[in-house]
Structure formats: C-alpha cells, structure tokens
Amino acid sequence: MSVETIGSGIKTNLANVTGLKRVYAPNELPEVVNEFPAAVIVHVGTDYYQTMGRDSSHDRHDFKIKVFLTNQDQPTAFNRLLDFLAKTGNDSIVQKIMADSTLNGSASDVSVVSNSGQSIITWGGIQYLGTEFDLEVWE
C-alpha cells in the first residue's frame, strides 16, 4: 500500500472523532490551519523490510497526528485536549484509530505508540496549542 492510501485510512478512522471539525490527510496538507479543533496527518518515515510475526517481511510507516486546538494564546484551550487524550470515548484519538486496525484495508496493523502531551506546534510559521500522537503502521 502507498503512504497516501494509509493516510486516507487514518483520516477515515479520525472522521469518527466527534470533536474534530477538520481532518487533513497527508496528500492534502494545509498551508495554515484555521478550523479548530483540527487534525493533520503527517508521514514522518518508513522502515523497509521489517520483521513482524512469523518471519514475514513488512514495511513499517511512522505517522504523526497533529491535533490543533487554537492559534491564540489561550491556555484554557488545553482543557478541550483531555477528551482527545483519553483511551476511550467519542473524542478519543486512540479508540477511533484502534477501532479499525487495518485502516479500511490499507494496513496489516496500526498502533498508537505515544502522545506528546500539551504542547506548542509550529505549522506554516504559526504557533498553535495542541498535541501530537505517534503511530506505527504495518503493511
């Protein structure tokens, strides 16, 4: 599968997060983010010919889901972040990604590896309040 197809599968899963107003796949990255909260899916690397399971060789793709809450200095916006960080619930990024671990048939498996916590994310030269999730996707 291609990075584009996997990214579309991630976007499909994130479309079920009720609190996100907009989700951008890796092939539709915005210049700036102006709808909040929003998620931007970014491919950050591939390790080719990795072993997974019974001596089979697969590619592992690494993605980041960047969740943008606001582009203003509003620390209270971090309160909105808590539902996205939870492991379960309508706004849980983890639950929605893991609900279909094949990402609509584009992968063998997916794992939400970590979360950065509350942070400042720079995108297009603008600072946003938000968080980042690290994903491993196996072909």
Protein backbone atom coordinates (compact mmCIF):
# COMPACT_ATOMS: atom_id res chain seq x y z
CA MET A 1 0.00 0.00 0.00
CA SER A 2 1.08 3.55 -0.52
CA VAL A 3 1.60 6.23 2.11
CA GLU A 4 -1.31 8.10 0.51
CA THR A 5 -3.66 5.12 0.90
CA ILE A 6 -2.62 4.54 4.51
CA GLY A 7 -3.05 8.26 5.26
CA SER A 8 -6.56 8.12 3.82
CA GLY A 9 -7.30 5.13 6.07
CA ILE A 10 -6.13 7.09 9.13
CA LYS A 11 -8.32 10.02 8.05
CA THR A 12 -11.32 7.70 7.72
CA ASN A 13 -10.84 6.50 11.31
CA LEU A 14 -10.38 10.05 12.62
CA ALA A 15 -13.59 11.18 10.90
CA ASN A 16 -15.35 9.35 13.74
CA VAL A 17 -13.86 11.66 16.40
CA THR A 18 -16.88 13.85 17.11
CA GLY A 19 -14.88 16.80 18.47
CA LEU A 20 -12.72 17.32 15.37
CA LYS A 21 -14.03 19.88 12.90
CA ARG A 22 -11.50 19.04 10.17
CA VAL A 23 -9.07 16.22 9.36
CA TYR A 24 -6.31 16.58 6.75
CA ALA A 25 -4.71 13.52 5.10
CA PRO A 26 -1.01 13.56 4.12
CA ASN A 27 -1.91 14.39 0.50
CA GLU A 28 -3.98 17.45 1.48
CA LEU A 29 -1.76 19.29 3.96
CA PRO A 30 -2.96 22.85 4.55
CA GLU A 31 -0.80 25.98 4.37
CA VAL A 32 -2.38 27.14 7.64
CA VAL A 33 -4.94 25.64 9.99
CA ASN A 34 -7.95 27.87 10.56
CA GLU A 35 -10.71 25.49 11.74
CA PHE A 36 -10.42 24.20 15.29
CA PRO A 37 -10.03 21.62 16.59
CA ALA A 38 -8.37 20.04 13.58
CA ALA A 39 -6.08 17.08 12.95
CA VAL A 40 -3.27 16.95 10.40
CA ILE A 41 -1.81 13.55 9.48
CA VAL A 42 1.87 13.65 8.55
CA HIS A 43 4.03 10.77 7.27
CA VAL A 44 7.37 11.01 9.10
CA GLY A 45 9.25 7.97 7.81
CA THR A 46 9.33 4.37 6.64
CA ASP A 47 11.46 1.43 7.74
CA TYR A 48 11.55 -1.08 4.90
CA TYR A 49 11.69 -4.87 5.26
CA GLN A 50 10.94 -5.08 8.97
CA THR A 51 10.03 -8.37 10.61
CA MET A 52 6.57 -8.72 12.07
CA GLY A 53 5.26 -12.03 13.26
CA ARG A 54 6.37 -15.27 11.64
CA ASP A 55 9.48 -14.30 9.74
CA SER A 56 7.48 -12.26 7.28
CA SER A 57 8.86 -9.02 6.00
CA HIS A 58 6.79 -5.86 6.11
CA ASP A 59 7.31 -2.13 5.81
CA ARG A 60 6.64 -0.02 8.90
CA HIS A 61 5.40 3.52 8.30
CA ASP A 62 5.53 6.17 11.01
CA PHE A 63 2.90 8.89 11.14
CA LYS A 64 2.11 11.81 13.41
CA ILE A 65 -1.38 13.04 14.08
CA LYS A 66 -1.09 16.70 15.00
CA VAL A 67 -4.17 17.97 16.82
CA PHE A 68 -4.57 21.75 16.68
CA LEU A 69 -6.77 23.42 19.32
CA THR A 70 -6.26 27.12 18.65
CA ASN A 71 -3.77 29.57 17.17
CA GLN A 72 -4.15 32.06 20.02
CA ASP A 73 -2.53 32.16 23.42
CA GLN A 74 -5.44 30.56 25.26
CA PRO A 75 -4.09 28.07 27.80
CA THR A 76 -7.68 27.24 28.80
CA ALA A 77 -7.99 25.58 25.38
CA PHE A 78 -5.92 22.74 26.80
CA ASN A 79 -8.99 21.68 28.78
CA ARG A 80 -10.51 20.62 25.45
CA LEU A 81 -7.49 18.41 24.89
CA LEU A 82 -8.30 15.94 27.67
CA ASP A 83 -11.03 14.12 25.73
CA PHE A 84 -8.70 13.63 22.75
CA LEU A 85 -6.05 12.11 25.06
CA ALA A 86 -8.40 9.61 26.73
CA LYS A 87 -8.16 5.95 25.70
CA THR A 88 -11.94 5.68 25.30
CA GLY A 89 -14.83 7.97 24.41
CA ASN A 90 -16.32 9.79 21.43
CA ASP A 91 -13.32 12.13 21.15
CA SER A 92 -10.61 9.55 21.91
CA ILE A 93 -8.00 9.54 19.15
CA VAL A 94 -6.65 6.20 20.42
CA GLN A 95 -10.05 4.48 20.42
CA LYS A 96 -11.00 5.71 16.95
CA ILE A 97 -7.67 4.71 15.40
CA MET A 98 -7.74 1.26 17.02
CA ALA A 99 -11.41 0.67 16.08
CA ASP A 100 -10.25 -0.48 12.62
CA SER A 101 -6.63 -1.58 12.91
CA THR A 102 -6.46 -2.30 9.17
CA LEU A 103 -7.27 1.35 8.39
CA ASN A 104 -10.00 0.46 5.94
CA GLY A 105 -7.91 -2.35 4.45
CA SER A 106 -4.81 -0.24 3.82
CA ALA A 107 -2.62 -1.85 6.52
CA SER A 108 -1.94 -5.08 8.40
CA ASP A 109 -1.98 -3.34 11.76
CA VAL A 110 -1.71 0.04 13.45
CA SER A 111 -0.55 1.07 16.89
CA VAL A 112 -0.86 4.39 18.67
CA VAL A 113 2.60 4.44 20.26
CA SER A 114 2.70 7.69 22.23
CA ASN A 115 1.37 11.18 22.80
CA SER A 116 3.39 14.35 23.34
CA GLY A 117 1.06 15.88 25.92
CA GLN A 118 0.16 19.55 25.81
CA SER A 119 2.50 21.47 23.55
CA ILE A 120 3.05 24.26 21.09
CA ILE A 121 3.01 23.06 17.46
CA THR A 122 4.50 25.24 14.73
CA TRP A 123 2.87 24.86 11.31
CA GLY A 124 3.42 27.21 8.39
CA GLY A 125 5.32 29.59 10.68
CA ILE A 126 2.36 29.92 13.07
CA GLN A 127 2.29 28.58 16.62
CA TYR A 128 -0.73 26.58 17.74
CA LEU A 129 -1.72 24.99 21.01
CA GLY A 130 -2.17 21.25 20.59
CA THR A 131 -0.72 17.76 20.88
CA GLU A 132 0.83 15.05 18.71
CA PHE A 133 0.18 11.30 18.53
CA ASP A 134 2.80 8.90 17.14
CA LEU A 135 1.54 5.96 15.07
CA GLU A 136 3.24 2.87 13.69
CA VAL A 137 1.50 1.35 10.68
CA TRP A 138 2.49 -2.06 9.33
CA GLU A 139 1.94 -3.05 5.72
